[in-house]
Amino acid sequence: MPFLPLRFSLRDTYHRFLRIPYPLHAKVFQNPKKPRATYVFIHGIGHSMHAWDEVIADMPKDVRVIALDLLGFGKSPKPVWPTYNAKTQARSVAWTLLRMRLTQPPIIVGHSLGALVGVEVAKRYPLLVKELILCSPPFYKPELVGKKGIKPADDVLRSLYRLIHKHPEQFEKISPLAVKFGLANRKFHLGEDNLTTYMAALEASIINQTALADVKKLKLPITIFYGAFDGVVIGKHIVKLGKEMPNVTVKRLLVGHEILGKYVKSLNVYIMNTR
């Protein structure tokens, strides 16, 4: 993990030593008088709430729609001291939703890192969540340390992430190419303002995670979307969840990792048809 400079404000001291979660930047995009349901959108790593713009634009008009910027991204605080794991993110998500005084538990829609955070919120604060819609969740099994032979896909991906983590400046330079060639949402951003938190979140939330084990313990309705051409999602883990857990519905799409094009349409059709 790269060295994080010791740079504190009074606000950081307040949150660090009193253990008060940081409130996140949130925006209410739709707020009908009597919403049929409330949807909370949580973006992936390197994004902000605006990664969901195309999805939100076609949401049913009778639902409340809220989007959040995760800690360290978008317009949310970017403190240097926390461990940017799913637990820390979930505490800030829960704190933000409680401050909004919602009248009904929301359906959380999370993409990639946001899906892992959604699982953590449901695990730690079950009364706050009605349902989960997980898009491209990078669920990985625990690392097999010391085992010889061919590495499982989980460990191969971890090795790739560690390489990125070791060379953040090079990754920052090539990341615009992913956007240019349609491999990443055009709202993806990696720069001086979020590079440190990106790498911290990559290590703490994705490389070192427990989400696959955690999701197996949840009882609420869960729908998982994943792409057949997604290079960072291990489809067999998701298929197995769908077979073994009666509360899990799996949707396989002919798309990649990012919510673009057909992915947007499929997600909106699903939400519209489950009214």
C-alpha atoms as a PDB file:
ATOM      1  CA  MET A   1       0.000   0.000   0.000  1.00  0.00           C
ATOM      2  CA  PRO A   2       1.467   3.437  -0.906  1.00  0.00           C
ATOM      3  CA  PHE A   3       2.499   5.733   1.914  1.00  0.00           C
ATOM      4  CA  LEU A   4      -0.325   8.016   2.954  1.00  0.00           C
ATOM      5  CA  PRO A   5       0.889  11.427   4.159  1.00  0.00           C
ATOM      6  CA  LEU A   6      -0.032  12.472   7.681  1.00  0.00           C
ATOM      7  CA  ARG A   7      -2.365  15.292   6.830  1.00  0.00           C
ATOM      8  CA  PHE A   8      -5.302  15.873   9.166  1.00  0.00           C
ATOM      9  CA  SER A   9      -7.969  18.506   9.536  1.00  0.00           C
ATOM     10  CA  LEU A  10     -10.148  19.078  12.576  1.00  0.00           C
ATOM     11  CA  ARG A  11     -12.885  17.236  10.720  1.00  0.00           C
ATOM     12  CA  ASP A  12     -10.632  14.224  10.182  1.00  0.00           C
ATOM     13  CA  THR A  13      -9.713  14.198  13.875  1.00  0.00           C
ATOM     14  CA  TYR A  14     -13.401  14.273  14.814  1.00  0.00           C
ATOM     15  CA  HIS A  15     -14.208  11.296  12.616  1.00  0.00           C
ATOM     16  CA  ARG A  16     -11.061   9.345  13.427  1.00  0.00           C
ATOM     17  CA  PHE A  17     -11.066   9.494  17.187  1.00  0.00           C
ATOM     18  CA  LEU A  18     -14.809   9.651  17.874  1.00  0.00           C
ATOM     19  CA  ARG A  19     -15.447   6.920  15.280  1.00  0.00           C
ATOM     20  CA  ILE A  20     -18.205   8.937  13.611  1.00  0.00           C
ATOM     21  CA  PRO A  21     -18.614   7.829   9.981  1.00  0.00           C
ATOM     22  CA  TYR A  22     -18.134  10.405   7.258  1.00  0.00           C
ATOM     23  CA  PRO A  23     -21.408  11.433   5.606  1.00  0.00           C
ATOM     24  CA  LEU A  24     -21.263  10.900   1.860  1.00  0.00           C
ATOM     25  CA  HIS A  25     -22.224  13.231  -0.936  1.00  0.00           C
ATOM     26  CA  ALA A  26     -25.713  12.142  -1.962  1.00  0.00           C
ATOM     27  CA  LYS A  27     -28.216  13.377  -4.523  1.00  0.00           C
ATOM     28  CA  VAL A  28     -31.937  12.681  -4.763  1.00  0.00           C
ATOM     29  CA  PHE A  29     -32.738  12.434  -8.478  1.00  0.00           C
ATOM     30  CA  GLN A  30     -36.437  11.582  -8.060  1.00  0.00           C
ATOM     31  CA  ASN A  31     -38.661  11.994  -5.035  1.00  0.00           C
ATOM     32  CA  PRO A  32     -42.385  11.380  -5.708  1.00  0.00           C
ATOM     33  CA  LYS A  33     -44.837  12.035  -2.877  1.00  0.00           C
ATOM     34  CA  LYS A  34     -45.688   8.369  -2.404  1.00  0.00           C
ATOM     35  CA  PRO A  35     -42.789   6.369  -3.845  1.00  0.00           C
ATOM     36  CA  ARG A  36     -43.487   2.744  -4.643  1.00  0.00           C
ATOM     37  CA  ALA A  37     -39.886   1.950  -3.770  1.00  0.00           C
ATOM     38  CA  THR A  38     -36.578   3.648  -3.032  1.00  0.00           C
ATOM     39  CA  TYR A  39     -33.466   2.828  -5.058  1.00  0.00           C
ATOM     40  CA  VAL A  40     -29.979   3.745  -3.861  1.00  0.00           C
ATOM     41  CA  PHE A  41     -27.210   3.549  -6.477  1.00  0.00           C
ATOM     42  CA  ILE A  42     -23.603   2.902  -5.442  1.00  0.00           C
ATOM     43  CA  HIS A  43     -20.875   3.239  -8.073  1.00  0.00           C
ATOM     44  CA  GLY A  44     -17.712   1.230  -8.685  1.00  0.00           C
ATOM     45  CA  ILE A  45     -14.067   2.050  -8.030  1.00  0.00           C
ATOM     46  CA  GLY A  46     -12.779   5.138  -9.821  1.00  0.00           C
ATOM     47  CA  HIS A  47     -16.281   6.384 -10.554  1.00  0.00           C
ATOM     48  CA  SER A  48     -18.796   8.716  -8.970  1.00  0.00           C
ATOM     49  CA  MET A  49     -22.586   8.719  -8.801  1.00  0.00           C
ATOM     50  CA  HIS A  50     -22.638   9.969 -12.395  1.00  0.00           C
ATOM     51  CA  ALA A  51     -21.643   6.512 -13.631  1.00  0.00           C
ATOM     52  CA  TRP A  52     -25.368   5.789 -13.186  1.00  0.00           C
ATOM     53  CA  ASP A  53     -26.664   8.742 -15.229  1.00  0.00           C
ATOM     54  CA  GLU A  54     -27.965   6.654 -18.139  1.00  0.00           C
ATOM     55  CA  VAL A  55     -29.679   4.173 -15.839  1.00  0.00           C
ATOM     56  CA  ILE A  56     -31.233   6.871 -13.662  1.00  0.00           C
ATOM     57  CA  ALA A  57     -32.542   8.758 -16.705  1.00  0.00           C
ATOM     58  CA  ASP A  58     -34.878   5.849 -17.538  1.00  0.00           C
ATOM     59  CA  MET A  59     -36.001   4.896 -14.042  1.00  0.00           C
ATOM     60  CA  PRO A  60     -39.773   4.562 -13.412  1.00  0.00           C
ATOM     61  CA  LYS A  61     -41.219   7.885 -12.289  1.00  0.00           C
ATOM     62  CA  ASP A  62     -43.040   6.444  -9.281  1.00  0.00           C
ATOM     63  CA  VAL A  63     -39.868   5.512  -7.378  1.00  0.00           C
ATOM     64  CA  ARG A  64     -37.450   7.527  -5.274  1.00  0.00           C
ATOM     65  CA  VAL A  65     -33.951   7.540  -6.771  1.00  0.00           C
ATOM     66  CA  ILE A  66     -30.831   8.358  -4.750  1.00  0.00           C
ATOM     67  CA  ALA A  67     -27.176   8.059  -5.751  1.00  0.00           C
ATOM     68  CA  LEU A  68     -24.092   8.282  -3.551  1.00  0.00           C
ATOM     69  CA  ASP A  69     -20.423   9.068  -4.002  1.00  0.00           C
ATOM     70  CA  LEU A  70     -18.402   6.532  -2.027  1.00  0.00           C
ATOM     71  CA  LEU A  71     -15.814   7.727   0.465  1.00  0.00           C
ATOM     72  CA  GLY A  72     -12.749   8.883  -1.442  1.00  0.00           C
ATOM     73  CA  PHE A  73     -14.556   9.457  -4.747  1.00  0.00           C
ATOM     74  CA  GLY A  74     -16.660  12.107  -6.455  1.00  0.00           C
ATOM     75  CA  LYS A  75     -17.623  14.921  -4.103  1.00  0.00           C
ATOM     76  CA  SER A  76     -17.460  12.818  -0.925  1.00  0.00           C
ATOM     77  CA  PRO A  77     -14.688  13.369   1.636  1.00  0.00           C
ATOM     78  CA  LYS A  78     -11.280  11.894   0.785  1.00  0.00           C
ATOM     79  CA  PRO A  79      -9.544  11.382   4.139  1.00  0.00           C
ATOM     80  CA  VAL A  80      -6.098   9.794   4.013  1.00  0.00           C
ATOM     81  CA  TRP A  81      -6.198   7.887   7.301  1.00  0.00           C
ATOM     82  CA  PRO A  82      -8.963   5.249   6.971  1.00  0.00           C
ATOM     83  CA  THR A  83      -8.647   1.712   5.695  1.00  0.00           C
ATOM     84  CA  TYR A  84     -10.789   1.872   2.571  1.00  0.00           C
ATOM     85  CA  ASN A  85     -12.378  -1.510   3.069  1.00  0.00           C
ATOM     86  CA  ALA A  86     -16.020  -2.479   2.574  1.00  0.00           C
ATOM     87  CA  LYS A  87     -16.709  -2.069   6.290  1.00  0.00           C
ATOM     88  CA  THR A  88     -15.589   1.568   6.311  1.00  0.00           C
ATOM     89  CA  GLN A  89     -17.602   2.303   3.163  1.00  0.00           C
ATOM     90  CA  ALA A  90     -20.690   0.518   4.528  1.00  0.00           C
ATOM     91  CA  ARG A  91     -20.584   2.562   7.750  1.00  0.00           C
ATOM     92  CA  SER A  92     -20.609   5.785   5.726  1.00  0.00           C
ATOM     93  CA  VAL A  93     -23.402   4.526   3.452  1.00  0.00           C
ATOM     94  CA  ALA A  94     -25.538   3.532   6.448  1.00  0.00           C
ATOM     95  CA  TRP A  95     -24.830   6.810   8.249  1.00  0.00           C
ATOM     96  CA  THR A  96     -25.778   8.798   5.150  1.00  0.00           C
ATOM     97  CA  LEU A  97     -29.037   6.890   4.638  1.00  0.00           C
ATOM     98  CA  LEU A  98     -29.993   7.274   8.304  1.00  0.00           C
ATOM     99  CA  ARG A  99     -29.413  11.020   8.074  1.00  0.00           C
ATOM    100  CA  MET A 100     -31.769  11.140   5.083  1.00  0.00           C
ATOM    101  CA  ARG A 101     -34.593   9.702   7.256  1.00  0.00           C
ATOM    102  CA  LEU A 102     -36.012   7.476   4.561  1.00  0.00           C
ATOM    103  CA  THR A 103     -39.508   6.182   5.223  1.00  0.00           C
ATOM    104  CA  GLN A 104     -38.847   2.793   3.615  1.00  0.00           C
ATOM    105  CA  PRO A 105     -35.794   0.511   3.392  1.00  0.00           C
ATOM    106  CA  PRO A 106     -34.199   0.978  -0.032  1.00  0.00           C
ATOM    107  CA  ILE A 107     -33.213  -1.391  -2.787  1.00  0.00           C
ATOM    108  CA  ILE A 108     -29.450  -0.989  -3.108  1.00  0.00           C
ATOM    109  CA  VAL A 109     -28.047  -1.195  -6.630  1.00  0.00           C
ATOM    110  CA  GLY A 110     -24.267  -1.567  -6.569  1.00  0.00           C
ATOM    111  CA  HIS A 111     -21.736  -1.902  -9.370  1.00  0.00           C
ATOM    112  CA  SER A 112     -18.376  -3.657  -8.888  1.00  0.00           C
ATOM    113  CA  LEU A 113     -16.893  -2.148  -5.694  1.00  0.00           C
ATOM    114  CA  GLY A 114     -20.372  -0.744  -5.013  1.00  0.00           C
ATOM    115  CA  ALA A 115     -21.765  -4.294  -5.132  1.00  0.00           C
ATOM    116  CA  LEU A 116     -19.266  -5.398  -2.480  1.00  0.00           C
ATOM    117  CA  VAL A 117     -20.232  -2.409  -0.357  1.00  0.00           C
ATOM    118  CA  GLY A 118     -23.916  -3.253  -0.833  1.00  0.00           C
ATOM    119  CA  VAL A 119     -23.290  -6.757   0.513  1.00  0.00           C
ATOM    120  CA  GLU A 120     -21.503  -5.284   3.525  1.00  0.00           C
ATOM    121  CA  VAL A 121     -24.354  -2.859   4.226  1.00  0.00           C
ATOM    122  CA  ALA A 122     -26.882  -5.721   4.095  1.00  0.00           C
ATOM    123  CA  LYS A 123     -24.702  -7.837   6.384  1.00  0.00           C
ATOM    124  CA  ARG A 124     -24.125  -5.167   9.030  1.00  0.00           C
ATOM    125  CA  TYR A 125     -27.375  -3.192   8.807  1.00  0.00           C
ATOM    126  CA  PRO A 126     -30.061  -5.635   7.603  1.00  0.00           C
ATOM    127  CA  LEU A 127     -32.960  -3.376   8.624  1.00  0.00           C
ATOM    128  CA  LEU A 128     -31.694  -0.679   6.261  1.00  0.00           C
ATOM    129  CA  VAL A 129     -31.911  -2.792   3.091  1.00  0.00           C
ATOM    130  CA  LYS A 130     -34.943  -4.284   1.369  1.00  0.00           C
ATOM    131  CA  GLU A 131     -33.186  -5.912  -1.574  1.00  0.00           C
ATOM    132  CA  LEU A 132     -29.845  -6.011  -3.390  1.00  0.00           C
ATOM    133  CA  ILE A 133     -29.205  -5.662  -7.120  1.00  0.00           C
ATOM    134  CA  LEU A 134     -25.534  -6.461  -7.671  1.00  0.00           C
ATOM    135  CA  CYS A 135     -23.963  -5.553 -11.007  1.00  0.00           C
ATOM    136  CA  SER A 136     -20.621  -7.128 -11.985  1.00  0.00           C
ATOM    137  CA  PRO A 137     -19.641  -8.091  -8.421  1.00  0.00           C
ATOM    138  CA  PRO A 138     -15.962  -9.165  -8.276  1.00  0.00           C
ATOM    139  CA  PHE A 139     -16.489 -12.012  -5.803  1.00  0.00           C
ATOM    140  CA  TYR A 140     -13.272 -13.915  -5.060  1.00  0.00           C
ATOM    141  CA  LYS A 141     -12.459 -16.895  -2.887  1.00  0.00           C
ATOM    142  CA  PRO A 142      -9.781 -16.571  -0.173  1.00  0.00           C
ATOM    143  CA  GLU A 143      -6.231 -16.586  -1.494  1.00  0.00           C
ATOM    144  CA  LEU A 144      -4.466 -19.968  -1.687  1.00  0.00           C
ATOM    145  CA  VAL A 145      -1.101 -19.094  -0.170  1.00  0.00           C
ATOM    146  CA  GLY A 146       1.718 -21.551  -0.780  1.00  0.00           C
ATOM    147  CA  LYS A 147      -0.272 -23.956  -2.969  1.00  0.00           C
ATOM    148  CA  LYS A 148       1.680 -25.210  -5.989  1.00  0.00           C
ATOM    149  CA  GLY A 149       0.345 -25.739  -9.487  1.00  0.00           C
ATOM    150  CA  ILE A 150      -1.956 -23.641 -11.654  1.00  0.00           C
ATOM    151  CA  LYS A 151      -3.362 -20.649  -9.832  1.00  0.00           C
ATOM    152  CA  PRO A 152      -7.149 -20.221  -9.752  1.00  0.00           C
ATOM    153  CA  ALA A 153      -8.589 -17.206 -11.563  1.00  0.00           C
ATOM    154  CA  ASP A 154      -9.128 -15.490  -8.203  1.00  0.00           C
ATOM    155  CA  ASP A 155      -5.393 -15.438  -7.460  1.00  0.00           C
ATOM    156  CA  VAL A 156      -4.455 -14.503 -11.032  1.00  0.00           C
ATOM    157  CA  LEU A 157      -6.665 -11.427 -10.768  1.00  0.00           C
ATOM    158  CA  ARG A 158      -5.207 -10.578  -7.368  1.00  0.00           C
ATOM    159  CA  SER A 159      -1.738 -10.691  -8.932  1.00  0.00           C
ATOM    160  CA  LEU A 160      -2.884  -8.262 -11.619  1.00  0.00           C
ATOM    161  CA  TYR A 161      -4.372  -5.921  -9.013  1.00  0.00           C
ATOM    162  CA  ARG A 162      -1.162  -6.033  -6.978  1.00  0.00           C
ATOM    163  CA  LEU A 163       0.798  -5.079 -10.077  1.00  0.00           C
ATOM    164  CA  ILE A 164      -1.508  -2.102 -10.594  1.00  0.00           C
ATOM    165  CA  HIS A 165      -1.170  -1.255  -6.907  1.00  0.00           C
ATOM    166  CA  LYS A 166       2.619  -1.365  -7.193  1.00  0.00           C
ATOM    167  CA  HIS A 167       2.697   0.975 -10.193  1.00  0.00           C
ATOM    168  CA  PRO A 168      -0.133   3.494  -9.661  1.00  0.00           C
ATOM    169  CA  GLU A 169       1.383   6.248 -11.810  1.00  0.00           C
ATOM    170  CA  GLN A 170       1.626   3.977 -14.863  1.00  0.00           C
ATOM    171  CA  PHE A 171      -1.948   2.803 -14.360  1.00  0.00           C
ATOM    172  CA  GLU A 172      -3.114   6.417 -14.136  1.00  0.00           C
ATOM    173  CA  LYS A 173      -1.440   7.179 -17.483  1.00  0.00           C
ATOM    174  CA  ILE A 174      -3.057   4.299 -19.385  1.00  0.00           C
ATOM    175  CA  SER A 175      -6.511   4.508 -17.765  1.00  0.00           C
ATOM    176  CA  PRO A 176      -7.822   7.087 -20.313  1.00  0.00           C
ATOM    177  CA  LEU A 177      -7.336   4.459 -23.022  1.00  0.00           C
ATOM    178  CA  ALA A 178      -9.934   2.244 -21.350  1.00  0.00           C
ATOM    179  CA  VAL A 179     -12.444   5.088 -21.629  1.00  0.00           C
ATOM    180  CA  LYS A 180     -11.403   5.898 -25.204  1.00  0.00           C
ATOM    181  CA  PHE A 181     -11.946   2.323 -26.414  1.00  0.00           C
ATOM    182  CA  GLY A 182     -15.225   1.844 -24.544  1.00  0.00           C
ATOM    183  CA  LEU A 183     -13.826  -0.501 -21.910  1.00  0.00           C
ATOM    184  CA  ALA A 184     -14.760   1.888 -19.103  1.00  0.00           C
ATOM    185  CA  ASN A 185     -17.646   4.250 -18.490  1.00  0.00           C
ATOM    186  CA  ARG A 186     -16.876   7.738 -19.780  1.00  0.00           C
ATOM    187  CA  LYS A 187     -17.476   8.972 -16.238  1.00  0.00           C
ATOM    188  CA  PHE A 188     -14.489   6.941 -15.007  1.00  0.00           C
ATOM    189  CA  HIS A 189     -11.844   9.206 -13.533  1.00  0.00           C
ATOM    190  CA  LEU A 190      -8.424   8.483 -12.112  1.00  0.00           C
ATOM    191  CA  GLY A 191      -6.188  11.397 -11.223  1.00  0.00           C
ATOM    192  CA  GLU A 192      -4.286  13.202  -8.532  1.00  0.00           C
ATOM    193  CA  ASP A 193      -7.473  13.866  -6.547  1.00  0.00           C
ATOM    194  CA  ASN A 194      -8.416  10.191  -6.136  1.00  0.00           C
ATOM    195  CA  LEU A 195      -5.391   8.044  -7.055  1.00  0.00           C
ATOM    196  CA  THR A 196      -4.419   7.408  -3.432  1.00  0.00           C
ATOM    197  CA  THR A 197      -7.940   6.432  -2.390  1.00  0.00           C
ATOM    198  CA  TYR A 198      -8.348   4.316  -5.546  1.00  0.00           C
ATOM    199  CA  MET A 199      -5.286   2.269  -4.641  1.00  0.00           C
ATOM    200  CA  ALA A 200      -6.325   2.056  -0.988  1.00  0.00           C
ATOM    201  CA  ALA A 201      -9.794   0.799  -1.987  1.00  0.00           C
ATOM    202  CA  LEU A 202      -8.307  -1.650  -4.498  1.00  0.00           C
ATOM    203  CA  GLU A 203      -6.171  -3.226  -1.787  1.00  0.00           C
ATOM    204  CA  ALA A 204      -8.603  -3.177   1.138  1.00  0.00           C
ATOM    205  CA  SER A 205     -11.935  -3.847  -0.585  1.00  0.00           C
ATOM    206  CA  ILE A 206     -11.137  -5.930  -3.663  1.00  0.00           C
ATOM    207  CA  ILE A 207      -7.803  -7.718  -3.147  1.00  0.00           C
ATOM    208  CA  ASN A 208      -8.595  -8.412   0.507  1.00  0.00           C
ATOM    209  CA  GLN A 209     -12.305  -9.159   0.702  1.00  0.00           C
ATOM    210  CA  THR A 210     -14.823 -11.491   2.313  1.00  0.00           C
ATOM    211  CA  ALA A 211     -17.830 -10.640   0.125  1.00  0.00           C
ATOM    212  CA  LEU A 212     -18.283 -14.086  -1.428  1.00  0.00           C
ATOM    213  CA  ALA A 213     -18.558 -15.696   2.000  1.00  0.00           C
ATOM    214  CA  ASP A 214     -20.707 -12.842   3.306  1.00  0.00           C
ATOM    215  CA  VAL A 215     -23.282 -12.907   0.508  1.00  0.00           C
ATOM    216  CA  LYS A 216     -23.962 -16.590   1.251  1.00  0.00           C
ATOM    217  CA  LYS A 217     -25.251 -15.609   4.699  1.00  0.00           C
ATOM    218  CA  LEU A 218     -27.803 -13.076   3.457  1.00  0.00           C
ATOM    219  CA  LYS A 219     -31.502 -13.937   3.304  1.00  0.00           C
ATOM    220  CA  LEU A 220     -32.938 -10.898   1.532  1.00  0.00           C
ATOM    221  CA  PRO A 221     -33.768 -10.981  -2.216  1.00  0.00           C
ATOM    222  CA  ILE A 222     -30.632 -10.608  -4.349  1.00  0.00           C
ATOM    223  CA  THR A 223     -30.383 -10.226  -8.112  1.00  0.00           C
ATOM    224  CA  ILE A 224     -26.932 -10.504  -9.694  1.00  0.00           C
ATOM    225  CA  PHE A 225     -26.107  -9.220 -13.183  1.00  0.00           C
ATOM    226  CA  TYR A 226     -22.814 -10.192 -14.771  1.00  0.00           C
ATOM    227  CA  GLY A 227     -21.316 -10.043 -18.237  1.00  0.00           C
ATOM    228  CA  ALA A 228     -20.165 -13.029 -20.268  1.00  0.00           C
ATOM    229  CA  PHE A 229     -17.215 -10.914 -21.467  1.00  0.00           C
ATOM    230  CA  ASP A 230     -16.277  -9.521 -18.059  1.00  0.00           C
ATOM    231  CA  GLY A 231     -12.586 -10.098 -17.385  1.00  0.00           C
ATOM    232  CA  VAL A 232     -12.658  -9.331 -13.668  1.00  0.00           C
ATOM    233  CA  VAL A 233     -15.785 -11.238 -12.618  1.00  0.00           C
ATOM    234  CA  ILE A 234     -15.608 -15.007 -12.106  1.00  0.00           C
ATOM    235  CA  GLY A 235     -18.881 -16.245 -13.519  1.00  0.00           C
ATOM    236  CA  LYS A 236     -18.791 -19.717 -11.968  1.00  0.00           C
ATOM    237  CA  HIS A 237     -18.929 -18.202  -8.471  1.00  0.00           C
ATOM    238  CA  ILE A 238     -22.077 -16.291  -9.382  1.00  0.00           C
ATOM    239  CA  VAL A 239     -23.706 -19.245 -11.138  1.00  0.00           C
ATOM    240  CA  LYS A 240     -23.063 -21.367  -8.054  1.00  0.00           C
ATOM    241  CA  LEU A 241     -24.706 -18.755  -5.829  1.00  0.00           C
ATOM    242  CA  GLY A 242     -27.779 -18.837  -8.051  1.00  0.00           C
ATOM    243  CA  LYS A 243     -27.991 -22.630  -7.864  1.00  0.00           C
ATOM    244  CA  GLU A 244     -27.424 -22.940  -4.118  1.00  0.00           C
ATOM    245  CA  MET A 245     -29.311 -19.928  -2.765  1.00  0.00           C
ATOM    246  CA  PRO A 246     -33.090 -19.699  -3.321  1.00  0.00           C
ATOM    247  CA  ASN A 247     -33.036 -15.941  -2.646  1.00  0.00           C
ATOM    248  CA  VAL A 248     -30.512 -15.265  -5.449  1.00  0.00           C
ATOM    249  CA  THR A 249     -31.491 -14.664  -9.088  1.00  0.00           C
ATOM    250  CA  VAL A 250     -28.712 -14.556 -11.679  1.00  0.00           C
ATOM    251  CA  LYS A 251     -28.830 -12.629 -14.959  1.00  0.00           C
ATOM    252  CA  ARG A 252     -26.044 -13.359 -17.464  1.00  0.00           C
ATOM    253  CA  LEU A 253     -25.656 -10.725 -20.181  1.00  0.00           C
ATOM    254  CA  LEU A 254     -23.552 -10.584 -23.340  1.00  0.00           C
ATOM    255  CA  VAL A 255     -21.652  -7.536 -22.077  1.00  0.00           C
ATOM    256  CA  GLY A 256     -18.431  -6.592 -20.311  1.00  0.00           C
ATOM    257  CA  HIS A 257     -17.777  -5.192 -16.838  1.00  0.00           C
ATOM    258  CA  GLU A 258     -19.027  -1.633 -17.191  1.00  0.00           C
ATOM    259  CA  ILE A 259     -22.689  -0.646 -17.306  1.00  0.00           C
ATOM    260  CA  LEU A 260     -22.805   0.542 -20.895  1.00  0.00           C
ATOM    261  CA  GLY A 261     -25.150   0.051 -23.844  1.00  0.00           C
ATOM    262  CA  LYS A 262     -27.039  -3.254 -23.550  1.00  0.00           C
ATOM    263  CA  TYR A 263     -26.170  -3.470 -19.859  1.00  0.00           C
ATOM    264  CA  VAL A 264     -28.020  -0.192 -19.185  1.00  0.00           C
ATOM    265  CA  LYS A 265     -31.068  -1.335 -21.134  1.00  0.00           C
ATOM    266  CA  SER A 266     -31.192  -4.770 -19.466  1.00  0.00           C
ATOM    267  CA  LEU A 267     -30.975  -3.269 -15.993  1.00  0.00           C
ATOM    268  CA  ASN A 268     -33.703  -0.723 -16.711  1.00  0.00           C
ATOM    269  CA  VAL A 269     -35.983  -3.361 -18.241  1.00  0.00           C
ATOM    270  CA  TYR A 270     -35.524  -5.547 -15.173  1.00  0.00           C
ATOM    271  CA  ILE A 271     -36.358  -2.697 -12.793  1.00  0.00           C
ATOM    272  CA  MET A 272     -39.364  -1.667 -14.875  1.00  0.00           C
ATOM    273  CA  ASN A 273     -40.725  -5.217 -15.081  1.00  0.00           C
ATOM    274  CA  THR A 274     -40.390  -5.919 -11.365  1.00  0.00           C
ATOM    275  CA  ARG A 275     -42.689  -3.094 -10.336  1.00  0.00           C
END
